[in-house]
């Protein structure tokens, strides 16, 4: 009986500690977000379930080739329906190699505020603002090779949401 009185509290402490870890929703993990990894050959990231990947045409190509430096995800299952497409949350990921110049578009937005987020232990600088009343956020990694722009049309998610964190943390340069 003494043994049970001594061991039971220790076991309960471990159970309690593990339950706290399991319930953590601090936004630092993927939050159970599942999806398909989309790989352009230069950059890849997870396109969450319930979202659609819209390949981006290279505007400088004569043959309508796919731009392998961009990923574009929309929170809709029907990217052919323009009404759904333009009212959907979106994530645009751009990869800039050492030969490409990144031009910040911060001056095009209203109510701009500088901010930063943590992605895989690295600080990404950026800003939030509005475009035609739609909340946006733009962040880039330290060497400005990856720029991510969000449009939060639904108002249901933002740059701290688990789904956005999962996308950011899944970005890799091939």
C-alpha atoms as a PDB file:
ATOM      1  CA  UNK A   1       0.000   0.000   0.000  1.00  0.00           C
ATOM      2  CA  UNK A   2       2.874   2.379   0.818  1.00  0.00           C
ATOM      3  CA  UNK A   3       4.374   1.563  -2.550  1.00  0.00           C
ATOM      4  CA  UNK A   4       1.149   2.551  -4.358  1.00  0.00           C
ATOM      5  CA  UNK A   5       0.900   5.802  -2.374  1.00  0.00           C
ATOM      6  CA  UNK A   6       4.445   6.713  -3.415  1.00  0.00           C
ATOM      7  CA  UNK A   7       4.366   5.554  -7.055  1.00  0.00           C
ATOM      8  CA  UNK A   8       0.837   6.641  -7.993  1.00  0.00           C
ATOM      9  CA  UNK A   9       1.546  10.391  -7.591  1.00  0.00           C
ATOM     10  CA  UNK A  10       4.659  10.050  -9.765  1.00  0.00           C
ATOM     11  CA  UNK A  11       2.720   8.206 -12.474  1.00  0.00           C
ATOM     12  CA  UNK A  12      -0.048  10.820 -12.358  1.00  0.00           C
ATOM     13  CA  UNK A  13       2.539  13.603 -12.731  1.00  0.00           C
ATOM     14  CA  UNK A  14       3.907  11.957 -15.882  1.00  0.00           C
ATOM     15  CA  UNK A  15       0.412  11.480 -17.304  1.00  0.00           C
ATOM     16  CA  UNK A  16      -0.425  15.129 -16.586  1.00  0.00           C
ATOM     17  CA  UNK A  17       2.843  16.374 -18.120  1.00  0.00           C
ATOM     18  CA  UNK A  18       2.334  14.352 -21.299  1.00  0.00           C
ATOM     19  CA  UNK A  19      -1.243  15.543 -21.629  1.00  0.00           C
ATOM     20  CA  UNK A  20      -0.069  19.166 -21.456  1.00  0.00           C
ATOM     21  CA  UNK A  21       2.488  18.571 -24.191  1.00  0.00           C
ATOM     22  CA  UNK A  22      -0.129  16.893 -26.368  1.00  0.00           C
ATOM     23  CA  UNK A  23      -2.506  19.839 -26.009  1.00  0.00           C
ATOM     24  CA  UNK A  24       0.042  22.524 -26.904  1.00  0.00           C
ATOM     25  CA  UNK A  25      -1.347  24.773 -29.656  1.00  0.00           C
ATOM     26  CA  UNK A  26       1.387  27.368 -29.684  1.00  0.00           C
ATOM     27  CA  UNK A  27       1.618  27.404 -33.471  1.00  0.00           C
ATOM     28  CA  UNK A  28       5.152  26.044 -33.483  1.00  0.00           C
ATOM     29  CA  UNK A  29       4.207  22.699 -35.016  1.00  0.00           C
ATOM     30  CA  UNK A  30       2.168  21.612 -37.956  1.00  0.00           C
ATOM     31  CA  UNK A  31      -0.999  21.300 -35.871  1.00  0.00           C
ATOM     32  CA  UNK A  32      -1.756  17.993 -37.544  1.00  0.00           C
ATOM     33  CA  UNK A  33      -1.950  19.677 -40.953  1.00  0.00           C
ATOM     34  CA  UNK A  34      -1.834  17.114 -43.732  1.00  0.00           C
ATOM     35  CA  UNK A  35      -1.481  17.612 -47.437  1.00  0.00           C
ATOM     36  CA  UNK A  36       0.545  16.996 -50.565  1.00  0.00           C
ATOM     37  CA  UNK A  37       4.096  18.260 -51.042  1.00  0.00           C
ATOM     38  CA  UNK A  38       4.271  20.239 -54.279  1.00  0.00           C
ATOM     39  CA  UNK A  39       7.750  20.355 -55.809  1.00  0.00           C
ATOM     40  CA  UNK A  40       8.592  22.597 -58.770  1.00  0.00           C
ATOM     41  CA  UNK A  41      12.148  21.339 -59.020  1.00  0.00           C
ATOM     42  CA  UNK A  42      13.521  24.477 -57.363  1.00  0.00           C
ATOM     43  CA  UNK A  43      11.217  24.932 -54.385  1.00  0.00           C
ATOM     44  CA  UNK A  44       8.711  22.753 -52.555  1.00  0.00           C
ATOM     45  CA  UNK A  45       6.108  23.106 -49.814  1.00  0.00           C
ATOM     46  CA  UNK A  46       3.039  21.343 -48.460  1.00  0.00           C
ATOM     47  CA  UNK A  47      -0.313  22.196 -50.036  1.00  0.00           C
ATOM     48  CA  UNK A  48      -2.731  21.418 -47.186  1.00  0.00           C
ATOM     49  CA  UNK A  49      -5.749  19.169 -47.619  1.00  0.00           C
ATOM     50  CA  UNK A  50      -8.721  21.322 -48.663  1.00  0.00           C
ATOM     51  CA  UNK A  51      -6.403  23.709 -50.521  1.00  0.00           C
ATOM     52  CA  UNK A  52      -5.577  23.711 -54.242  1.00  0.00           C
ATOM     53  CA  UNK A  53      -2.263  24.179 -55.978  1.00  0.00           C
ATOM     54  CA  UNK A  54      -2.416  26.520 -58.943  1.00  0.00           C
ATOM     55  CA  UNK A  55       0.714  26.186 -61.087  1.00  0.00           C
ATOM     56  CA  UNK A  56       2.035  29.593 -62.119  1.00  0.00           C
ATOM     57  CA  UNK A  57       2.814  30.272 -65.770  1.00  0.00           C
ATOM     58  CA  UNK A  58       6.215  31.838 -66.430  1.00  0.00           C
ATOM     59  CA  UNK A  59       5.340  35.273 -67.831  1.00  0.00           C
ATOM     60  CA  UNK A  60       8.690  35.457 -69.637  1.00  0.00           C
ATOM     61  CA  UNK A  61       8.211  32.145 -71.455  1.00  0.00           C
ATOM     62  CA  UNK A  62       7.017  31.959 -75.044  1.00  0.00           C
ATOM     63  CA  UNK A  63       5.674  28.430 -74.496  1.00  0.00           C
ATOM     64  CA  UNK A  64       3.513  29.017 -71.384  1.00  0.00           C
ATOM     65  CA  UNK A  65       5.953  27.009 -69.276  1.00  0.00           C
ATOM     66  CA  UNK A  66       5.341  26.631 -65.560  1.00  0.00           C
ATOM     67  CA  UNK A  67       7.381  29.013 -63.378  1.00  0.00           C
ATOM     68  CA  UNK A  68       9.495  26.718 -61.225  1.00  0.00           C
ATOM     69  CA  UNK A  69      10.330  29.540 -58.795  1.00  0.00           C
ATOM     70  CA  UNK A  70       6.748  30.013 -57.538  1.00  0.00           C
ATOM     71  CA  UNK A  71       4.102  28.084 -55.656  1.00  0.00           C
ATOM     72  CA  UNK A  72       0.545  29.324 -55.338  1.00  0.00           C
ATOM     73  CA  UNK A  73      -1.982  27.702 -52.992  1.00  0.00           C
ATOM     74  CA  UNK A  74      -5.650  28.640 -52.582  1.00  0.00           C
ATOM     75  CA  UNK A  75      -8.003  27.560 -49.808  1.00  0.00           C
ATOM     76  CA  UNK A  76     -10.655  26.233 -52.160  1.00  0.00           C
ATOM     77  CA  UNK A  77     -11.329  22.971 -53.919  1.00  0.00           C
ATOM     78  CA  UNK A  78     -12.294  24.678 -57.186  1.00  0.00           C
ATOM     79  CA  UNK A  79      -9.678  26.990 -58.694  1.00  0.00           C
ATOM     80  CA  UNK A  80     -11.617  27.074 -61.977  1.00  0.00           C
ATOM     81  CA  UNK A  81     -14.433  29.056 -60.309  1.00  0.00           C
ATOM     82  CA  UNK A  82     -13.037  32.610 -60.299  1.00  0.00           C
ATOM     83  CA  UNK A  83     -15.550  33.743 -57.671  1.00  0.00           C
ATOM     84  CA  UNK A  84     -14.233  31.119 -55.260  1.00  0.00           C
ATOM     85  CA  UNK A  85     -10.648  31.740 -56.303  1.00  0.00           C
ATOM     86  CA  UNK A  86     -10.649  35.483 -55.679  1.00  0.00           C
ATOM     87  CA  UNK A  87     -12.478  35.155 -52.366  1.00  0.00           C
ATOM     88  CA  UNK A  88     -10.209  32.372 -51.055  1.00  0.00           C
ATOM     89  CA  UNK A  89      -7.299  32.641 -48.660  1.00  0.00           C
ATOM     90  CA  UNK A  90      -4.083  32.316 -50.618  1.00  0.00           C
ATOM     91  CA  UNK A  91      -0.393  31.681 -50.098  1.00  0.00           C
ATOM     92  CA  UNK A  92       2.157  32.682 -52.720  1.00  0.00           C
ATOM     93  CA  UNK A  93       5.722  31.454 -52.297  1.00  0.00           C
ATOM     94  CA  UNK A  94       8.485  32.998 -54.392  1.00  0.00           C
ATOM     95  CA  UNK A  95      12.064  31.760 -54.693  1.00  0.00           C
ATOM     96  CA  UNK A  96      14.714  34.307 -55.711  1.00  0.00           C
ATOM     97  CA  UNK A  97      18.128  32.971 -56.644  1.00  0.00           C
ATOM     98  CA  UNK A  98      21.279  35.100 -56.581  1.00  0.00           C
ATOM     99  CA  UNK A  99      20.546  36.363 -60.126  1.00  0.00           C
ATOM    100  CA  UNK A 100      17.043  37.672 -59.397  1.00  0.00           C
ATOM    101  CA  UNK A 101      16.298  41.041 -57.817  1.00  0.00           C
ATOM    102  CA  UNK A 102      13.539  41.185 -55.218  1.00  0.00           C
ATOM    103  CA  UNK A 103      11.542  44.414 -55.237  1.00  0.00           C
ATOM    104  CA  UNK A 104       9.449  44.955 -52.121  1.00  0.00           C
ATOM    105  CA  UNK A 105       5.858  46.019 -52.795  1.00  0.00           C
ATOM    106  CA  UNK A 106       5.227  47.400 -49.304  1.00  0.00           C
ATOM    107  CA  UNK A 107       4.236  50.834 -50.636  1.00  0.00           C
ATOM    108  CA  UNK A 108       1.265  49.365 -52.519  1.00  0.00           C
ATOM    109  CA  UNK A 109      -0.626  48.384 -49.354  1.00  0.00           C
ATOM    110  CA  UNK A 110      -2.654  50.249 -46.731  1.00  0.00           C
ATOM    111  CA  UNK A 111      -2.294  50.125 -42.935  1.00  0.00           C
ATOM    112  CA  UNK A 112       1.176  48.560 -43.119  1.00  0.00           C
ATOM    113  CA  UNK A 113       2.853  47.425 -39.906  1.00  0.00           C
ATOM    114  CA  UNK A 114       6.295  45.825 -39.674  1.00  0.00           C
ATOM    115  CA  UNK A 115       6.377  42.466 -37.935  1.00  0.00           C
ATOM    116  CA  UNK A 116       8.289  39.202 -37.859  1.00  0.00           C
ATOM    117  CA  UNK A 117       7.576  35.507 -37.404  1.00  0.00           C
ATOM    118  CA  UNK A 118       9.632  32.474 -36.412  1.00  0.00           C
ATOM    119  CA  UNK A 119      10.040  29.723 -39.016  1.00  0.00           C
ATOM    120  CA  UNK A 120      12.108  26.690 -38.033  1.00  0.00           C
ATOM    121  CA  UNK A 121      14.040  28.762 -35.494  1.00  0.00           C
ATOM    122  CA  UNK A 122      14.825  31.529 -37.992  1.00  0.00           C
ATOM    123  CA  UNK A 123      13.336  35.031 -37.831  1.00  0.00           C
ATOM    124  CA  UNK A 124      11.545  36.072 -41.003  1.00  0.00           C
ATOM    125  CA  UNK A 125      10.979  39.831 -41.289  1.00  0.00           C
ATOM    126  CA  UNK A 126       7.906  41.227 -42.941  1.00  0.00           C
ATOM    127  CA  UNK A 127       4.785  43.291 -42.628  1.00  0.00           C
ATOM    128  CA  UNK A 128       1.037  43.058 -42.483  1.00  0.00           C
ATOM    129  CA  UNK A 129      -1.391  45.373 -44.220  1.00  0.00           C
ATOM    130  CA  UNK A 130      -4.442  45.511 -46.437  1.00  0.00           C
ATOM    131  CA  UNK A 131      -5.049  45.298 -50.163  1.00  0.00           C
ATOM    132  CA  UNK A 132      -8.503  46.492 -51.204  1.00  0.00           C
ATOM    133  CA  UNK A 133      -9.692  45.718 -47.669  1.00  0.00           C
ATOM    134  CA  UNK A 134      -8.245  42.170 -47.635  1.00  0.00           C
ATOM    135  CA  UNK A 135      -5.691  41.486 -44.885  1.00  0.00           C
ATOM    136  CA  UNK A 136      -2.286  40.522 -46.303  1.00  0.00           C
ATOM    137  CA  UNK A 137       1.070  39.541 -44.862  1.00  0.00           C
ATOM    138  CA  UNK A 138       4.474  39.322 -46.514  1.00  0.00           C
ATOM    139  CA  UNK A 139       7.576  37.717 -45.001  1.00  0.00           C
ATOM    140  CA  UNK A 140      11.018  36.825 -46.267  1.00  0.00           C
ATOM    141  CA  UNK A 141      13.811  34.710 -44.881  1.00  0.00           C
ATOM    142  CA  UNK A 142      17.097  36.271 -43.784  1.00  0.00           C
ATOM    143  CA  UNK A 143      18.871  36.152 -47.151  1.00  0.00           C
ATOM    144  CA  UNK A 144      15.685  37.123 -49.064  1.00  0.00           C
ATOM    145  CA  UNK A 145      15.713  34.017 -51.232  1.00  0.00           C
ATOM    146  CA  UNK A 146      12.187  33.085 -50.156  1.00  0.00           C
ATOM    147  CA  UNK A 147       9.337  35.590 -50.062  1.00  0.00           C
ATOM    148  CA  UNK A 148       5.872  34.492 -48.938  1.00  0.00           C
ATOM    149  CA  UNK A 149       2.752  36.589 -49.444  1.00  0.00           C
ATOM    150  CA  UNK A 150      -0.620  35.767 -47.882  1.00  0.00           C
ATOM    151  CA  UNK A 151      -4.108  37.076 -48.585  1.00  0.00           C
ATOM    152  CA  UNK A 152      -6.487  36.249 -45.756  1.00  0.00           C
ATOM    153  CA  UNK A 153      -9.783  36.835 -47.559  1.00  0.00           C
ATOM    154  CA  UNK A 154     -11.903  34.704 -45.215  1.00  0.00           C
ATOM    155  CA  UNK A 155     -10.725  36.356 -42.017  1.00  0.00           C
ATOM    156  CA  UNK A 156     -10.591  32.852 -40.499  1.00  0.00           C
ATOM    157  CA  UNK A 157      -6.812  32.418 -40.604  1.00  0.00           C
ATOM    158  CA  UNK A 158      -3.729  34.612 -40.308  1.00  0.00           C
ATOM    159  CA  UNK A 159       0.048  34.291 -40.341  1.00  0.00           C
ATOM    160  CA  UNK A 160       0.004  32.554 -36.929  1.00  0.00           C
ATOM    161  CA  UNK A 161      -2.514  29.837 -37.884  1.00  0.00           C
ATOM    162  CA  UNK A 162      -1.412  26.199 -37.777  1.00  0.00           C
ATOM    163  CA  UNK A 163      -2.065  25.736 -41.497  1.00  0.00           C
ATOM    164  CA  UNK A 164       0.109  28.750 -42.377  1.00  0.00           C
ATOM    165  CA  UNK A 165       2.836  27.606 -39.966  1.00  0.00           C
ATOM    166  CA  UNK A 166       2.792  24.149 -41.578  1.00  0.00           C
ATOM    167  CA  UNK A 167       3.210  25.655 -45.051  1.00  0.00           C
ATOM    168  CA  UNK A 168       6.062  27.912 -43.927  1.00  0.00           C
ATOM    169  CA  UNK A 169       7.896  25.169 -42.071  1.00  0.00           C
ATOM    170  CA  UNK A 170       7.627  22.817 -45.049  1.00  0.00           C
ATOM    171  CA  UNK A 171       9.316  25.159 -47.555  1.00  0.00           C
ATOM    172  CA  UNK A 172      12.542  23.761 -48.968  1.00  0.00           C
ATOM    173  CA  UNK A 173      14.847  24.894 -51.738  1.00  0.00           C
ATOM    174  CA  UNK A 174      15.789  21.963 -53.959  1.00  0.00           C
END
